[in-house]
Protein backbone atom coordinates (compact mmCIF):
# COMPACT_ATOMS: atom_id res chain seq x y z
CA MET A 1 0.00 0.00 0.00
CA PRO A 2 1.87 3.13 -1.19
CA ILE A 3 1.23 5.78 1.47
CA ILE A 4 2.01 9.26 0.20
CA CYS A 5 0.83 11.29 3.21
CA ARG A 6 -0.41 10.99 6.82
CA PHE A 7 -2.00 13.71 8.90
CA LEU A 8 -4.44 13.88 11.81
CA GLY A 9 -5.02 10.11 11.67
CA ILE A 10 -5.78 10.24 7.93
CA ILE A 11 -3.81 8.04 5.52
CA ILE A 12 -3.60 9.02 1.84
CA THR A 13 -2.61 6.43 -0.78
CA VAL A 14 -2.38 6.07 -4.55
CA TYR A 15 -2.45 2.52 -5.88
CA TYR A 16 -0.52 1.13 -8.81
CA LYS A 17 -2.38 -0.35 -11.79
CA GLU A 18 -5.70 1.34 -11.10
CA HIS A 19 -7.77 2.63 -13.96
CA GLY A 20 -10.44 5.23 -14.42
CA VAL A 21 -10.25 8.89 -13.51
CA PRO A 22 -7.18 10.06 -11.59
CA HIS A 23 -7.98 9.54 -7.91
CA PHE A 24 -6.56 8.84 -4.48
CA HIS A 25 -7.68 6.90 -1.44
CA ALA A 26 -8.21 8.35 2.03
CA LYS A 27 -8.54 6.15 5.10
CA TYR A 28 -9.55 7.24 8.58
CA GLY A 29 -10.13 4.48 11.13
CA GLU A 30 -12.75 2.14 9.73
CA PHE A 31 -13.77 4.68 7.07
CA GLY A 32 -12.39 4.81 3.55
CA ALA A 33 -13.05 6.88 0.45
CA VAL A 34 -11.91 7.32 -3.11
CA ILE A 35 -11.68 10.94 -4.28
CA ALA A 36 -11.22 12.29 -7.82
CA ILE A 37 -8.12 14.47 -8.08
CA GLU A 38 -9.40 16.88 -10.72
CA THR A 39 -12.84 17.57 -9.23
CA LEU A 40 -12.15 16.63 -5.59
CA LYS A 41 -15.51 14.83 -5.58
CA LEU A 42 -16.16 11.67 -3.59
CA ILE A 43 -16.24 8.72 -5.98
CA LYS A 44 -16.78 5.88 -3.54
CA GLY A 45 -16.94 5.18 0.17
CA GLU A 46 -17.42 7.55 3.06
CA LEU A 47 -15.56 9.63 5.61
CA PRO A 48 -16.91 11.66 8.51
CA LYS A 49 -17.85 15.10 7.18
CA ARG A 50 -15.09 16.92 9.12
CA VAL A 51 -12.48 14.45 7.88
CA LEU A 52 -13.71 14.69 4.29
CA ASN A 53 -13.46 18.48 4.48
CA LEU A 54 -9.85 18.21 5.74
CA VAL A 55 -8.96 15.75 2.98
CA VAL A 56 -10.46 17.99 0.29
CA GLU A 57 -8.65 21.03 1.73
CA TRP A 58 -5.35 19.08 1.67
CA ALA A 59 -5.98 17.77 -1.86
CA PHE A 60 -6.82 21.26 -3.15
CA GLU A 61 -3.43 22.47 -1.89
CA HIS A 62 -1.60 19.50 -3.44
CA ARG A 63 -3.60 18.75 -6.60
CA ASP A 64 -0.59 19.05 -8.93
CA GLU A 65 1.48 16.72 -6.75
CA LEU A 66 -1.38 14.23 -6.64
CA LEU A 67 -1.62 14.22 -10.44
CA ILE A 68 2.13 13.64 -10.70
CA ASN A 69 1.84 10.69 -8.30
CA TRP A 70 -1.11 9.31 -10.28
CA LYS A 71 1.02 9.36 -13.45
CA LEU A 72 3.98 7.80 -11.63
CA ALA A 73 1.75 5.02 -10.28
CA ARG A 74 0.38 4.29 -13.75
CA GLU A 75 4.00 3.95 -14.96
CA GLU A 76 4.83 1.79 -11.91
CA GLU A 77 7.43 4.30 -10.73
CA PRO A 78 8.12 5.19 -7.08
CA LEU A 79 5.72 7.76 -5.67
CA ASN A 80 6.61 11.06 -4.02
CA LEU A 81 5.63 11.87 -0.47
CA ILE A 82 3.37 14.90 -0.12
CA ASN A 83 3.45 17.26 2.86
CA PRO A 84 0.60 16.93 5.34
CA LEU A 85 -2.06 19.52 5.97
CA THR A 86 -0.64 22.38 8.01
């Protein structure tokens, strides 16, 4: 599981060999969600509202880095770590 960021108990990952729209995964405790990078819309799953808002805020700040990691994952290259929400 390629973790690219952790903050406030939230784990952000991008998986290799996934298809579809560019997206990332966010996990918080027993909750998990898939979020589109370009639109920052929830694709699948659920997170508590406060956590989802934090994840979207973080992703908005790091959208370009997320897209780079998505492309790296598709090419099966090592991913870059992204700074946590500050």
